[in-house]
């Protein structure tokens, strides 16, 4: 402990502090002792990059809430460091200063898969033809994300009635096993058809921090019954894309190809008849 230090890091003792997690929250626990005669209030701590590989690391990191240490009191404290979201997985060495005591620390940054897909819901007609759509995919994680074709996704009735609360409570009263009851509530209805999603120019790889526009083809190899509305939940790594199938005669979102043709037709001046 330095001459100006007002607390002692009791644990870990004789080894670096270890913090683990994805870039947004790399966290670990330490135990502090106040050996002085006055009450201390800790609100933040200092961080210095010794690896030389961390970008935009703030010199001070705030605690989740102020911590009060009375004289002679020992208390466990959780410390969290927020890094840039695209910080690659790996091991980074830093120095942590807590109320004047500096300790070595090792940050184990873990893999973070975090895709954001817009729009979150696509609408297609209940037709066997291929329907083209566009997605904007943002990689908010720290590893590259690769998307490929996804086939045979179940289509289920999107107009199924909501769960009757009274029946749910009655079922709960008759089922002492809560896990079994929750599992029963989560069961989906019957499969009404199948849907496939194709990636144009597949596969598509999105680098950390990158946003890409991806063309996708939606097909219905097993169309559901007509005059209904159906939903497919397509897994795109951590994200979920909802695709809603509407009756073929219903108004639905036009594809970007149809929109482009309509725009060109509207912008072309008509010839005057002589």
Protein backbone atom coordinates (compact mmCIF):
# COMPACT_ATOMS: atom_id res chain seq x y z
CA UNK A 1 0.00 0.00 0.00
CA UNK A 2 1.30 3.46 -0.86
CA UNK A 3 1.74 6.19 1.75
CA UNK A 4 -1.47 7.94 0.59
CA UNK A 5 -3.61 4.81 0.35
CA UNK A 6 -6.62 4.81 2.65
CA UNK A 7 -7.90 1.26 2.02
CA UNK A 8 -6.37 -2.20 1.78
CA UNK A 9 -7.37 -4.76 -0.86
CA UNK A 10 -7.61 -7.90 1.28
CA UNK A 11 -8.78 -10.22 -1.50
CA UNK A 12 -7.37 -11.22 -3.85
CA UNK A 13 -4.10 -11.34 -1.94
CA UNK A 14 -0.73 -11.65 -3.65
CA UNK A 15 -2.16 -11.98 -7.17
CA UNK A 16 -3.74 -9.67 -9.78
CA UNK A 17 -7.39 -8.75 -9.58
CA UNK A 18 -9.35 -10.77 -12.14
CA UNK A 19 -12.23 -9.25 -14.12
CA UNK A 20 -14.20 -11.26 -16.68
CA UNK A 21 -16.98 -10.49 -19.13
CA UNK A 22 -17.97 -9.03 -22.49
CA UNK A 23 -16.66 -5.55 -23.37
CA UNK A 24 -19.74 -3.72 -22.10
CA UNK A 25 -19.21 -5.06 -18.54
CA UNK A 26 -15.93 -6.67 -17.49
CA UNK A 27 -16.45 -7.32 -13.78
CA UNK A 28 -14.91 -8.89 -10.70
CA UNK A 29 -15.14 -8.90 -6.91
CA UNK A 30 -12.61 -7.60 -4.40
CA UNK A 31 -12.62 -7.30 -0.61
CA UNK A 32 -11.61 -3.98 0.93
CA UNK A 33 -10.54 -3.07 4.48
CA UNK A 34 -10.61 0.41 5.97
CA UNK A 35 -7.70 0.45 8.44
CA UNK A 36 -8.10 4.13 9.30
CA UNK A 37 -10.03 6.00 11.94
CA UNK A 38 -12.41 7.84 9.59
CA UNK A 39 -15.34 6.70 7.48
CA UNK A 40 -14.64 6.50 3.75
CA UNK A 41 -17.06 6.90 0.83
CA UNK A 42 -15.90 5.32 -2.44
CA UNK A 43 -17.55 6.49 -5.65
CA UNK A 44 -15.07 5.55 -8.37
CA UNK A 45 -11.63 4.09 -9.09
CA UNK A 46 -8.80 4.71 -11.53
CA UNK A 47 -7.79 2.49 -14.46
CA UNK A 48 -4.55 2.61 -16.49
CA UNK A 49 -3.94 0.47 -19.58
CA UNK A 50 -0.67 -1.45 -19.33
CA UNK A 51 -1.29 -3.59 -22.39
CA UNK A 52 -1.38 -0.62 -24.77
CA UNK A 53 -4.21 -2.29 -26.71
CA UNK A 54 -7.33 -0.77 -25.16
CA UNK A 55 -8.96 2.06 -27.11
CA UNK A 56 -10.67 5.01 -25.41
CA UNK A 57 -10.34 3.62 -21.89
CA UNK A 58 -11.65 6.22 -19.38
CA UNK A 59 -9.14 7.02 -16.63
CA UNK A 60 -11.90 6.86 -13.99
CA UNK A 61 -14.66 4.27 -13.72
CA UNK A 62 -17.68 4.83 -11.49
CA UNK A 63 -18.97 2.28 -9.02
CA UNK A 64 -22.54 1.06 -9.49
CA UNK A 65 -23.36 2.81 -6.21
CA UNK A 66 -21.33 4.67 -3.56
CA UNK A 67 -19.75 2.35 -1.00
CA UNK A 68 -19.37 3.41 2.64
CA UNK A 69 -16.52 1.89 4.70
CA UNK A 70 -16.51 2.71 8.39
CA UNK A 71 -13.30 2.49 10.41
CA UNK A 72 -12.07 -1.08 10.71
CA UNK A 73 -14.82 -2.33 8.38
CA UNK A 74 -14.17 -5.00 5.76
CA UNK A 75 -16.53 -5.30 2.80
CA UNK A 76 -16.77 -7.01 -0.57
CA UNK A 77 -17.00 -4.69 -3.56
CA UNK A 78 -17.89 -5.43 -7.18
CA UNK A 79 -16.00 -3.38 -9.73
CA UNK A 80 -16.98 -3.07 -13.39
CA UNK A 81 -15.06 -1.66 -16.34
CA UNK A 82 -16.81 -0.61 -19.55
CA UNK A 83 -14.76 -1.05 -22.72
CA UNK A 84 -15.42 -0.20 -26.35
CA UNK A 85 -18.03 -2.66 -27.67
CA UNK A 86 -15.72 -3.94 -30.43
CA UNK A 87 -12.82 -4.81 -28.10
CA UNK A 88 -11.59 -8.20 -29.31
CA UNK A 89 -11.77 -11.22 -26.99
CA UNK A 90 -8.51 -11.74 -25.15
CA UNK A 91 -6.45 -10.90 -22.10
CA UNK A 92 -5.58 -7.31 -21.22
CA UNK A 93 -3.41 -6.03 -18.36
CA UNK A 94 -4.35 -2.86 -16.48
CA UNK A 95 -3.58 -1.12 -13.19
CA UNK A 96 -6.47 -0.29 -10.85
CA UNK A 97 -6.23 2.51 -8.28
CA UNK A 98 -8.69 2.26 -5.39
CA UNK A 99 -8.52 5.14 -2.93
CA UNK A 100 -4.77 5.44 -3.38
CA UNK A 101 -3.85 1.75 -3.50
CA UNK A 102 -2.73 0.54 -6.94
CA UNK A 103 -3.13 -3.12 -7.88
CA UNK A 104 -2.44 -5.08 -11.03
CA UNK A 105 -5.49 -6.49 -12.76
CA UNK A 106 -6.16 -8.83 -15.68
CA UNK A 107 -9.20 -8.32 -17.90
CA UNK A 108 -10.47 -11.48 -19.62
CA UNK A 109 -12.70 -10.10 -22.38
CA UNK A 110 -15.09 -12.77 -23.59
CA UNK A 111 -16.78 -13.24 -26.95
CA UNK A 112 -19.89 -11.12 -27.44
CA UNK A 113 -22.26 -12.02 -30.29
CA UNK A 114 -24.71 -9.14 -30.71
CA UNK A 115 -26.57 -8.58 -33.96
CA UNK A 116 -29.27 -5.97 -34.48
CA UNK A 117 -31.60 -6.57 -37.44
CA UNK A 118 -33.84 -3.90 -38.98
CA UNK A 119 -36.66 -4.16 -39.69
CA UNK A 120 -37.39 -6.74 -37.02
CA UNK A 121 -40.48 -7.93 -38.92
CA UNK A 122 -41.00 -8.68 -42.62
CA UNK A 123 -44.34 -9.21 -44.37
CA UNK A 124 -44.70 -11.59 -47.31
CA UNK A 125 -47.68 -12.93 -49.27
CA UNK A 126 -48.87 -16.51 -49.03
CA UNK A 127 -47.50 -17.42 -52.45
CA UNK A 128 -45.00 -19.98 -53.69
CA UNK A 129 -42.96 -17.42 -55.65
CA UNK A 130 -39.66 -16.13 -54.29
CA UNK A 131 -40.07 -12.77 -52.56
CA UNK A 132 -37.05 -10.50 -52.19
CA UNK A 133 -36.49 -8.29 -49.15
CA UNK A 134 -33.71 -6.20 -47.64
CA UNK A 135 -32.34 -6.20 -44.11
CA UNK A 136 -29.95 -3.81 -42.39
CA UNK A 137 -27.78 -5.87 -40.05
CA UNK A 138 -25.53 -4.20 -37.47
CA UNK A 139 -22.86 -6.13 -35.61
CA UNK A 140 -22.74 -4.62 -32.13
CA UNK A 141 -20.51 -7.40 -30.81
CA UNK A 142 -16.76 -8.01 -30.81
CA UNK A 143 -16.52 -10.96 -33.23
CA UNK A 144 -17.37 -11.30 -36.91
CA UNK A 145 -20.86 -12.67 -37.60
CA UNK A 146 -21.61 -14.87 -40.61
CA UNK A 147 -25.15 -15.42 -41.88
CA UNK A 148 -26.15 -18.19 -44.27
CA UNK A 149 -29.33 -19.74 -45.62
CA UNK A 150 -31.89 -20.94 -43.09
CA UNK A 151 -34.34 -23.54 -44.30
CA UNK A 152 -37.52 -25.23 -43.07
CA UNK A 153 -38.57 -22.73 -40.41
CA UNK A 154 -41.96 -23.61 -38.93
CA UNK A 155 -44.92 -21.35 -39.68
CA UNK A 156 -47.50 -21.08 -36.92
CA UNK A 157 -50.90 -19.44 -36.61
CA UNK A 158 -50.42 -15.77 -35.70
CA UNK A 159 -54.09 -15.34 -34.75
CA UNK A 160 -54.19 -17.99 -32.04
CA UNK A 161 -56.12 -16.80 -28.95
CA UNK A 162 -54.17 -15.53 -25.95
CA UNK A 163 -53.79 -17.73 -22.88
CA UNK A 164 -56.85 -17.62 -20.59
CA UNK A 165 -55.49 -16.42 -17.24
CA UNK A 166 -58.16 -18.31 -15.31
CA UNK A 167 -57.31 -21.57 -17.01
CA UNK A 168 -53.61 -20.90 -16.47
CA UNK A 169 -54.13 -20.38 -12.73
CA UNK A 170 -56.28 -23.51 -12.56
CA UNK A 171 -53.57 -25.52 -14.31
CA UNK A 172 -50.98 -24.11 -11.93
CA UNK A 173 -53.09 -25.21 -8.95
CA UNK A 174 -53.22 -28.75 -10.34
CA UNK A 175 -49.52 -28.92 -11.26
CA UNK A 176 -47.13 -28.65 -8.32
CA UNK A 177 -44.17 -28.79 -10.76
CA UNK A 178 -43.73 -25.14 -11.77
CA UNK A 179 -41.11 -25.91 -14.44
CA UNK A 180 -43.48 -28.34 -16.14
CA UNK A 181 -46.25 -25.74 -16.07
CA UNK A 182 -44.07 -23.00 -17.57
CA UNK A 183 -42.86 -25.42 -20.24
CA UNK A 184 -46.48 -26.20 -21.15
CA UNK A 185 -47.26 -22.50 -21.55
CA UNK A 186 -44.28 -22.06 -23.86
CA UNK A 187 -45.31 -24.79 -26.28
CA UNK A 188 -46.16 -23.47 -29.72
CA UNK A 189 -49.20 -24.42 -31.72
CA UNK A 190 -49.12 -26.88 -34.61
CA UNK A 191 -46.92 -26.26 -37.64
CA UNK A 192 -49.03 -24.82 -40.47
CA UNK A 193 -46.33 -24.68 -43.14
CA UNK A 194 -42.65 -24.11 -43.80
CA UNK A 195 -40.58 -21.07 -44.73
CA UNK A 196 -37.01 -20.66 -45.98
CA UNK A 197 -34.74 -17.63 -45.94
CA UNK A 198 -31.94 -17.36 -48.48
CA UNK A 199 -29.01 -14.91 -48.27
CA UNK A 200 -28.09 -13.36 -51.64
CA UNK A 201 -24.39 -13.85 -52.34
CA UNK A 202 -24.22 -16.13 -49.32
CA UNK A 203 -22.72 -16.29 -46.84
CA UNK A 204 -22.71 -12.71 -45.54
CA UNK A 205 -20.05 -11.74 -42.98
CA UNK A 206 -20.48 -8.60 -40.86
CA UNK A 207 -17.40 -7.30 -39.05
CA UNK A 208 -17.60 -5.91 -35.49
CA UNK A 209 -19.02 -2.39 -35.60
CA UNK A 210 -20.18 -2.77 -39.22
CA UNK A 211 -23.65 -2.28 -40.66
CA UNK A 212 -24.48 -4.12 -43.89
CA UNK A 213 -27.52 -4.17 -46.13
CA UNK A 214 -28.32 -7.78 -47.00
CA UNK A 215 -30.68 -9.02 -49.68
CA UNK A 216 -32.73 -12.03 -48.65
CA UNK A 217 -35.12 -14.29 -50.54
CA UNK A 218 -38.16 -15.63 -48.72
CA UNK A 219 -39.81 -18.77 -50.12
CA UNK A 220 -42.64 -20.99 -48.91
CA UNK A 221 -41.74 -24.58 -49.84
CA UNK A 222 -44.78 -25.71 -47.84
CA UNK A 223 -47.37 -22.88 -48.06
CA UNK A 224 -49.84 -22.71 -45.16
CA UNK A 225 -53.62 -22.78 -45.69
CA UNK A 226 -55.01 -19.64 -47.40
CA UNK A 227 -56.90 -16.82 -45.68
CA UNK A 228 -54.87 -17.00 -42.49
CA UNK A 229 -51.98 -15.10 -40.99
CA UNK A 230 -48.87 -16.97 -39.94
CA UNK A 231 -45.61 -16.15 -38.24
CA UNK A 232 -42.12 -17.62 -38.53
CA UNK A 233 -39.36 -16.81 -36.06
CA UNK A 234 -36.07 -16.99 -37.95
CA UNK A 235 -32.92 -17.26 -35.80
CA UNK A 236 -30.09 -14.96 -36.91
CA UNK A 237 -27.46 -15.82 -34.30
CA UNK A 238 -28.64 -13.91 -31.19
CA UNK A 239 -31.29 -11.92 -33.10
CA UNK A 240 -34.75 -13.10 -34.13
CA UNK A 241 -36.34 -12.04 -37.41
CA UNK A 242 -40.13 -12.30 -37.51
CA UNK A 243 -41.65 -13.06 -40.90
CA UNK A 244 -45.42 -12.74 -41.17
CA UNK A 245 -47.24 -14.46 -44.01
CA UNK A 246 -50.50 -12.77 -45.04
CA UNK A 247 -53.21 -13.93 -47.47
CA UNK A 248 -52.09 -13.45 -51.06
CA UNK A 249 -54.90 -10.96 -51.71
CA UNK A 250 -54.07 -8.86 -48.63
CA UNK A 251 -52.17 -5.61 -48.79
CA UNK A 252 -48.58 -6.28 -47.89
CA UNK A 253 -45.24 -4.56 -47.98
CA UNK A 254 -43.93 -4.48 -51.57
CA UNK A 255 -40.50 -5.89 -52.28
CA UNK A 256 -37.72 -3.46 -53.08
CA UNK A 257 -37.77 -4.71 -56.71
CA UNK A 258 -41.48 -3.89 -57.03
CA UNK A 259 -40.90 -0.53 -55.36
CA UNK A 260 -38.07 0.28 -57.80
CA UNK A 261 -40.22 -0.61 -60.83
CA UNK A 262 -43.12 1.49 -59.55
CA UNK A 263 -40.83 4.43 -58.88
CA UNK A 264 -39.33 4.29 -62.39
CA UNK A 265 -42.77 4.03 -63.96
CA UNK A 266 -44.04 7.02 -61.99
CA UNK A 267 -41.03 9.15 -62.93
CA UNK A 268 -41.28 8.41 -66.70
CA UNK A 269 -43.31 11.17 -68.45
CA UNK A 270 -46.15 9.90 -70.62
CA UNK A 271 -46.02 10.75 -74.32
CA UNK A 272 -48.70 13.04 -75.59
CA UNK A 273 -50.99 11.69 -78.29
CA UNK A 274 -50.96 13.66 -81.49
